[in-house]
Amino acid sequence: MAFLRFLAELRTPAGDAFFMAMTYLASEYLVVALICFFYWCRDKKIALTLGVSYFLSGLGISCLKISFRVPRPWVLDSTFQTVPAALPSATGPSFPSGHTQQATSMWGTLSLFTQKKWMRGAALCLIVLAGFSRMYLGVHTPQDVIVAFVITLFLNFLAYDIVIRKDLFSRKPFLVSLVLLLLTVGLGVYAFFLVSSGRISAELVNDSFKASGAGAGFAVGIYLENRFIRFVPWADGSKKEGGVAALLLRYVPGIVVLLAIMLGLKKVLPDGAFFSALRYCLVTLWVTVGYPLILIRAGRQGK
C-alpha cells in the first residue's frame, strides 16, 4: 500500500487520462478483436496461439482470484483513494491482476511471431504500461501485477509450444479441446462450489463464470471447426478482392454480430452466473464456428 500511496501523490489529470488509455489497451474487447482478425482474415495459428494463451491464463488467474479472495486496495484501506474512472473495470478480487494477464497474453503472444526487436520492445512496453497503469490508478498492488505477469508469460510459451512447435491442433485436436474443456468446466464447478458453500459472493465469481463459458465455447468451437469446417482465413486480405476496403467488409460484420451477442444479450438475458457463462460461450462459438460458416457459404474464405 505504501507504493500505491506514493503513486497516488504523483497523479495528475493528464496522467489519469494516459494510464486509463493504457488500461483500455489491455481490455478483453481488444484481445477478442485481435483473435477475430487473425482467425478470420490472416493466420489461424496465430489466432489459436493467442486464444490458448488468453483462455489458459484467464482460467488460471480467475482460479487464483476466487481461491485467495484478496480485497481491492481501497477495501484493504478505506482511507486510500483510487481513480474513480478505473472502478468499473475493477471487478472481482484483487489478486492477481486480470488486466495484466490480458496485456501479457495479447502483446506477449504476438511478440513471439516476430523477429523484429523494435516490435518485441514495443510489446514489452505495452505490457509494462498496462501493469503499471493498474497500480497508478489504485486498483492493484505490485504483487497482483507481478504474479499475473509471470504466470501469463509462462503460459504464452506453453501455448506457442502447443500450437506452433508441436502442432497439436493438427495432430491431436480432440485431445487438446478435451483438456481445455475439462479445465474450463472445472473452473465453473469450483466457482459454483465456493458460492453455494458461502465462501464467496456470487458477484465476486461472475468473471470466473464468464471465463469458464468463453473457454468452453472456444474448446468446443475449435474442435468442431477443425473436424467439420476447416475454414481457411483470407491470409493476404489487404492485397486481394479490393484491398483494405474488402478486408474491412469481411471483418466488420463479424465484429458487429459479436458485439450484439456480447452486449445485446446482456440486456435480454436474466442476470446470473449461468447466463453470463452462456453469453460468453456463444461469443466464442460465433468466432470459431458461426462466422467462418457464413464466410464459407458466401464463398469468401481463403484459397
Protein backbone atom coordinates (compact mmCIF):
# COMPACT_ATOMS: atom_id res chain seq x y z
CA MET A 1 0.00 0.00 0.00
CA ALA A 2 2.94 2.34 0.62
CA PHE A 3 3.90 2.17 -3.07
CA LEU A 4 0.32 2.83 -4.15
CA ARG A 5 0.15 5.85 -1.86
CA PHE A 6 3.40 7.13 -3.37
CA LEU A 7 1.92 6.83 -6.86
CA ALA A 8 -1.31 8.48 -5.75
CA GLU A 9 0.65 11.56 -4.73
CA LEU A 10 2.02 11.82 -8.29
CA ARG A 11 -1.37 11.72 -10.02
CA THR A 12 -2.37 14.50 -12.40
CA PRO A 13 -5.38 14.81 -14.73
CA ALA A 14 -3.13 14.15 -17.73
CA GLY A 15 -1.59 11.13 -16.00
CA ASP A 16 -5.02 9.78 -15.10
CA ALA A 17 -6.14 10.04 -18.73
CA PHE A 18 -2.94 8.46 -20.08
CA PHE A 19 -3.00 5.47 -17.76
CA MET A 20 -6.71 4.93 -18.32
CA ALA A 21 -5.83 4.66 -22.01
CA MET A 22 -3.14 2.10 -21.17
CA THR A 23 -5.76 0.12 -19.26
CA TYR A 24 -8.01 0.11 -22.33
CA LEU A 25 -5.13 -1.36 -24.34
CA ALA A 26 -5.40 -4.40 -22.06
CA SER A 27 -9.18 -4.82 -22.34
CA GLU A 28 -10.88 -8.10 -23.21
CA TYR A 29 -12.57 -6.41 -26.18
CA LEU A 30 -9.23 -5.69 -27.82
CA VAL A 31 -7.97 -9.24 -27.21
CA VAL A 32 -11.11 -10.72 -28.76
CA ALA A 33 -10.94 -8.28 -31.69
CA LEU A 34 -7.36 -9.37 -32.43
CA ILE A 35 -8.25 -13.07 -32.20
CA CYS A 36 -11.08 -12.46 -34.66
CA PHE A 37 -8.84 -10.56 -37.05
CA PHE A 38 -6.23 -13.28 -37.24
CA TYR A 39 -8.76 -16.13 -37.22
CA TRP A 40 -10.96 -14.71 -39.98
CA CYS A 41 -8.51 -12.70 -42.04
CA ARG A 42 -4.88 -13.65 -41.57
CA ASP A 43 -3.45 -16.67 -39.79
CA LYS A 44 -5.40 -19.23 -37.76
CA LYS A 45 -2.31 -20.45 -35.94
CA ILE A 46 -1.60 -17.00 -34.57
CA ALA A 47 -5.24 -16.73 -33.52
CA LEU A 48 -5.17 -20.17 -31.90
CA THR A 49 -1.93 -19.42 -30.03
CA LEU A 50 -3.40 -16.16 -28.78
CA GLY A 51 -6.64 -17.90 -27.85
CA VAL A 52 -4.96 -20.74 -25.95
CA SER A 53 -2.72 -18.31 -24.07
CA TYR A 54 -5.61 -15.97 -23.29
CA PHE A 55 -8.02 -18.64 -22.08
CA LEU A 56 -5.47 -20.72 -20.17
CA SER A 57 -4.10 -17.68 -18.35
CA GLY A 58 -7.62 -16.35 -17.80
CA LEU A 59 -8.68 -19.62 -16.20
CA GLY A 60 -5.57 -19.69 -14.02
CA ILE A 61 -5.88 -16.08 -12.89
CA SER A 62 -9.61 -16.50 -12.20
CA CYS A 63 -8.93 -19.60 -10.13
CA LEU A 64 -6.34 -17.75 -8.02
CA LYS A 65 -8.66 -14.76 -7.61
CA ILE A 66 -11.54 -16.78 -6.14
CA SER A 67 -9.19 -19.00 -4.12
CA PHE A 68 -7.28 -16.24 -2.30
CA ARG A 69 -10.09 -13.65 -2.40
CA VAL A 70 -7.76 -10.70 -1.71
CA PRO A 71 -9.74 -7.44 -1.31
CA ARG A 72 -9.06 -4.47 -3.55
CA PRO A 73 -6.68 -1.75 -2.21
CA TRP A 74 -9.48 0.68 -1.30
CA VAL A 75 -11.18 -2.11 0.64
CA LEU A 76 -7.99 -3.04 2.47
CA ASP A 77 -7.52 0.61 3.42
CA SER A 78 -10.68 2.71 3.48
CA THR A 79 -8.62 5.92 3.50
CA PHE A 80 -6.98 5.11 0.16
CA GLN A 81 -8.40 6.88 -2.89
CA THR A 82 -8.43 5.24 -6.31
CA VAL A 83 -9.05 6.98 -9.63
CA PRO A 84 -12.86 6.88 -9.97
CA ALA A 85 -12.81 6.19 -13.72
CA ALA A 86 -10.97 2.90 -13.08
CA LEU A 87 -13.58 1.46 -10.72
CA PRO A 88 -15.99 -0.01 -13.33
CA SER A 89 -13.25 -2.25 -14.74
CA ALA A 90 -12.02 -3.34 -11.29
CA THR A 91 -14.31 -6.32 -10.77
CA GLY A 92 -13.74 -9.36 -8.61
CA PRO A 93 -10.94 -9.93 -6.09
CA SER A 94 -7.64 -8.09 -6.45
CA PHE A 95 -5.03 -10.86 -6.70
CA PRO A 96 -3.77 -11.44 -9.39
CA SER A 97 -4.37 -8.66 -11.93
CA GLY A 98 -6.70 -9.61 -14.78
CA HIS A 99 -5.72 -6.63 -16.93
CA THR A 100 -2.03 -7.52 -16.61
CA GLN A 101 -2.91 -11.07 -17.64
CA GLN A 102 -4.79 -9.80 -20.69
CA ALA A 103 -2.00 -7.44 -21.74
CA THR A 104 0.72 -10.06 -21.27
CA SER A 105 -1.29 -12.69 -23.13
CA MET A 106 -2.09 -10.36 -26.01
CA TRP A 107 1.12 -8.45 -26.63
CA GLY A 108 3.43 -11.15 -25.31
CA THR A 109 1.97 -13.81 -27.59
CA LEU A 110 2.07 -11.58 -30.66
CA SER A 111 5.73 -10.75 -29.96
CA LEU A 112 6.58 -14.45 -30.37
CA PHE A 113 5.63 -14.24 -34.04
CA THR A 114 8.13 -11.54 -34.98
CA GLN A 115 11.90 -11.38 -35.08
CA LYS A 116 11.96 -7.58 -35.13
CA LYS A 117 13.50 -6.29 -31.93
CA TRP A 118 11.61 -2.99 -32.03
CA MET A 119 8.27 -4.84 -32.20
CA ARG A 120 9.19 -7.06 -29.29
CA GLY A 121 10.34 -3.99 -27.38
CA ALA A 122 7.07 -2.25 -28.14
CA ALA A 123 5.13 -5.29 -26.92
CA LEU A 124 7.11 -5.30 -23.67
CA CYS A 125 6.45 -1.57 -23.19
CA LEU A 126 2.70 -2.07 -23.64
CA ILE A 127 2.70 -4.88 -21.07
CA VAL A 128 4.67 -2.82 -18.55
CA LEU A 129 2.47 0.23 -19.09
CA ALA A 130 -0.70 -1.83 -18.67
CA GLY A 131 0.53 -3.36 -15.42
CA PHE A 132 1.83 -0.05 -14.09
CA SER A 133 -1.45 1.65 -15.00
CA ARG A 134 -3.34 -0.67 -12.68
CA MET A 135 -1.10 0.40 -9.79
CA TYR A 136 -1.17 4.08 -10.73
CA LEU A 137 -4.98 4.01 -10.88
CA GLY A 138 -5.02 2.38 -7.46
CA VAL A 139 -6.86 -0.83 -8.30
CA HIS A 140 -4.00 -3.34 -7.92
CA THR A 141 -0.89 -3.85 -5.81
CA PRO A 142 2.58 -4.69 -7.20
CA GLN A 143 2.08 -8.29 -6.04
CA ASP A 144 -1.11 -8.56 -8.12
CA VAL A 145 0.67 -7.30 -11.23
CA ILE A 146 3.92 -9.27 -10.92
CA VAL A 147 2.24 -12.63 -10.27
CA ALA A 148 -0.15 -12.17 -13.19
CA PHE A 149 2.74 -11.27 -15.48
CA VAL A 150 4.89 -14.27 -14.51
CA ILE A 151 2.05 -16.81 -14.81
CA THR A 152 0.84 -15.47 -18.15
CA LEU A 153 4.32 -15.21 -19.62
CA PHE A 154 4.86 -18.91 -18.88
CA LEU A 155 1.52 -19.79 -20.48
CA ASN A 156 2.39 -17.71 -23.56
CA PHE A 157 5.34 -20.01 -24.22
CA LEU A 158 3.25 -23.08 -23.42
CA ALA A 159 0.57 -22.00 -25.90
CA TYR A 160 3.22 -21.35 -28.57
CA ASP A 161 4.65 -24.81 -27.94
CA ILE A 162 1.22 -26.46 -28.21
CA VAL A 163 0.10 -24.70 -31.37
CA ILE A 164 3.31 -23.99 -33.30
CA ARG A 165 6.17 -26.24 -32.21
CA LYS A 166 4.19 -29.44 -31.55
CA ASP A 167 1.26 -28.59 -33.87
CA LEU A 168 -1.12 -30.41 -31.55
CA PHE A 169 -4.22 -28.79 -33.05
CA SER A 170 -3.50 -30.64 -36.28
CA ARG A 171 -2.17 -33.85 -34.77
CA LYS A 172 -4.45 -34.29 -31.74
CA PRO A 173 -7.32 -31.79 -31.96
CA PHE A 174 -9.74 -33.82 -29.85
CA LEU A 175 -7.23 -34.22 -27.00
CA VAL A 176 -6.35 -30.52 -26.94
CA SER A 177 -10.00 -29.47 -26.99
CA LEU A 178 -10.92 -32.02 -24.34
CA VAL A 179 -8.21 -30.80 -21.96
CA LEU A 180 -9.27 -27.19 -22.47
CA LEU A 181 -12.91 -28.10 -21.94
CA LEU A 182 -12.18 -30.01 -18.73
CA LEU A 183 -10.20 -27.06 -17.37
CA THR A 184 -13.00 -24.60 -18.15
CA VAL A 185 -15.71 -26.82 -16.71
CA GLY A 186 -13.51 -27.41 -13.67
CA LEU A 187 -13.29 -23.68 -13.00
CA GLY A 188 -17.06 -23.33 -13.33
CA VAL A 189 -17.70 -26.19 -10.91
CA TYR A 190 -15.15 -24.81 -8.45
CA ALA A 191 -16.69 -21.32 -8.61
CA PHE A 192 -20.18 -22.77 -8.10
CA PHE A 193 -18.96 -24.75 -5.08
CA LEU A 194 -17.46 -21.64 -3.48
CA VAL A 195 -20.68 -19.68 -3.96
CA SER A 196 -23.01 -22.46 -2.83
CA SER A 197 -20.92 -23.09 0.29
CA GLY A 198 -20.98 -19.40 1.22
CA ARG A 199 -17.22 -18.91 0.89
CA ILE A 200 -17.59 -16.10 -1.66
CA SER A 201 -20.37 -13.92 -3.01
CA ALA A 202 -21.86 -14.56 -6.45
CA GLU A 203 -20.81 -11.07 -7.55
CA LEU A 204 -17.12 -11.83 -6.96
CA VAL A 205 -17.15 -15.00 -9.08
CA ASN A 206 -19.01 -13.55 -12.05
CA ASP A 207 -15.77 -13.07 -14.00
CA SER A 208 -14.87 -16.71 -13.34
CA PHE A 209 -18.15 -17.90 -14.83
CA LYS A 210 -17.54 -15.68 -17.86
CA ALA A 211 -14.07 -17.18 -18.29
CA SER A 212 -15.49 -20.68 -17.92
CA GLY A 213 -18.20 -20.07 -20.53
CA ALA A 214 -15.82 -18.43 -23.01
CA GLY A 215 -13.25 -21.17 -22.56
CA ALA A 216 -15.84 -23.90 -23.06
CA GLY A 217 -17.09 -22.27 -26.26
CA PHE A 218 -13.52 -21.93 -27.53
CA ALA A 219 -12.67 -25.56 -26.73
CA VAL A 220 -15.78 -26.93 -28.45
CA GLY A 221 -15.63 -24.45 -31.32
CA ILE A 222 -12.05 -25.09 -32.37
CA TYR A 223 -12.67 -28.85 -32.40
CA LEU A 224 -15.83 -28.55 -34.50
CA GLU A 225 -14.09 -26.18 -36.89
CA ASN A 226 -11.06 -28.44 -37.22
CA ARG A 227 -13.15 -31.59 -37.65
CA PHE A 228 -16.01 -30.45 -39.87
CA ILE A 229 -15.47 -26.93 -41.24
CA ARG A 230 -11.75 -26.47 -41.99
CA PHE A 231 -12.09 -22.78 -42.62
CA VAL A 232 -9.19 -21.10 -44.46
CA PRO A 233 -8.52 -17.46 -43.48
CA TRP A 234 -8.13 -14.79 -46.08
CA ALA A 235 -4.41 -14.81 -45.47
CA ASP A 236 -3.49 -11.86 -47.65
CA GLY A 237 -6.68 -9.85 -47.48
CA SER A 238 -5.08 -6.44 -47.99
CA LYS A 239 -3.93 -7.45 -51.49
CA LYS A 240 -6.98 -9.34 -52.74
CA GLU A 241 -10.52 -8.61 -53.81
CA GLY A 242 -10.42 -4.85 -53.35
CA GLY A 243 -7.69 -4.39 -50.76
CA VAL A 244 -8.33 -2.79 -47.38
CA ALA A 245 -11.98 -1.96 -48.16
CA ALA A 246 -12.74 -5.62 -48.87
CA LEU A 247 -10.84 -6.67 -45.76
CA LEU A 248 -12.99 -4.36 -43.62
CA LEU A 249 -16.14 -5.59 -45.34
CA ARG A 250 -15.15 -9.10 -44.35
CA TYR A 251 -14.11 -8.26 -40.78
CA VAL A 252 -16.57 -5.62 -39.59
CA PRO A 253 -19.86 -7.58 -39.98
CA GLY A 254 -18.47 -10.39 -37.85
CA ILE A 255 -17.42 -7.94 -35.14
CA VAL A 256 -20.82 -6.23 -35.21
CA VAL A 257 -22.61 -9.52 -34.59
CA LEU A 258 -20.07 -10.41 -31.90
CA LEU A 259 -20.81 -7.16 -30.05
CA ALA A 260 -24.53 -7.78 -30.46
CA ILE A 261 -24.10 -11.15 -28.75
CA MET A 262 -21.79 -9.85 -26.04
CA LEU A 263 -23.64 -6.63 -25.22
CA GLY A 264 -27.12 -7.18 -26.62
CA LEU A 265 -27.77 -10.47 -24.86
CA LYS A 266 -26.63 -8.87 -21.61
CA LYS A 267 -29.73 -6.68 -21.77
CA VAL A 268 -32.02 -9.53 -22.82
CA LEU A 269 -30.93 -12.45 -20.67
CA PRO A 270 -31.58 -12.52 -16.92
CA ASP A 271 -28.76 -11.75 -14.52
CA GLY A 272 -26.89 -14.68 -13.08
CA ALA A 273 -23.80 -16.84 -13.42
CA PHE A 274 -25.34 -19.33 -15.85
CA PHE A 275 -26.43 -16.66 -18.31
CA SER A 276 -23.07 -14.85 -18.11
CA ALA A 277 -21.34 -18.11 -18.97
CA LEU A 278 -23.82 -18.80 -21.77
CA ARG A 279 -23.34 -15.35 -23.29
CA TYR A 280 -19.55 -15.69 -23.42
CA CYS A 281 -19.83 -19.25 -24.70
CA LEU A 282 -21.97 -18.02 -27.61
CA VAL A 283 -19.39 -15.31 -28.36
CA THR A 284 -16.54 -17.79 -28.81
CA LEU A 285 -18.74 -20.20 -30.79
CA TRP A 286 -19.60 -17.33 -33.14
CA VAL A 287 -15.91 -16.54 -33.61
CA THR A 288 -14.77 -20.13 -34.20
CA VAL A 289 -17.78 -21.71 -35.92
CA GLY A 290 -20.62 -19.33 -36.74
CA TYR A 291 -18.95 -16.62 -38.78
CA PRO A 292 -16.49 -18.97 -40.56
CA LEU A 293 -19.50 -20.99 -41.78
CA ILE A 294 -21.13 -17.83 -43.13
CA LEU A 295 -17.91 -16.84 -44.90
CA ILE A 296 -17.64 -20.28 -46.49
CA ARG A 297 -21.27 -20.17 -47.65
CA ALA A 298 -20.63 -16.72 -49.12
CA GLY A 299 -17.54 -18.03 -50.91
CA ARG A 300 -15.28 -15.65 -49.04
CA GLN A 301 -12.76 -17.92 -47.40
CA GLY A 302 -9.16 -18.10 -48.48
CA LYS A 303 -7.82 -20.44 -51.12
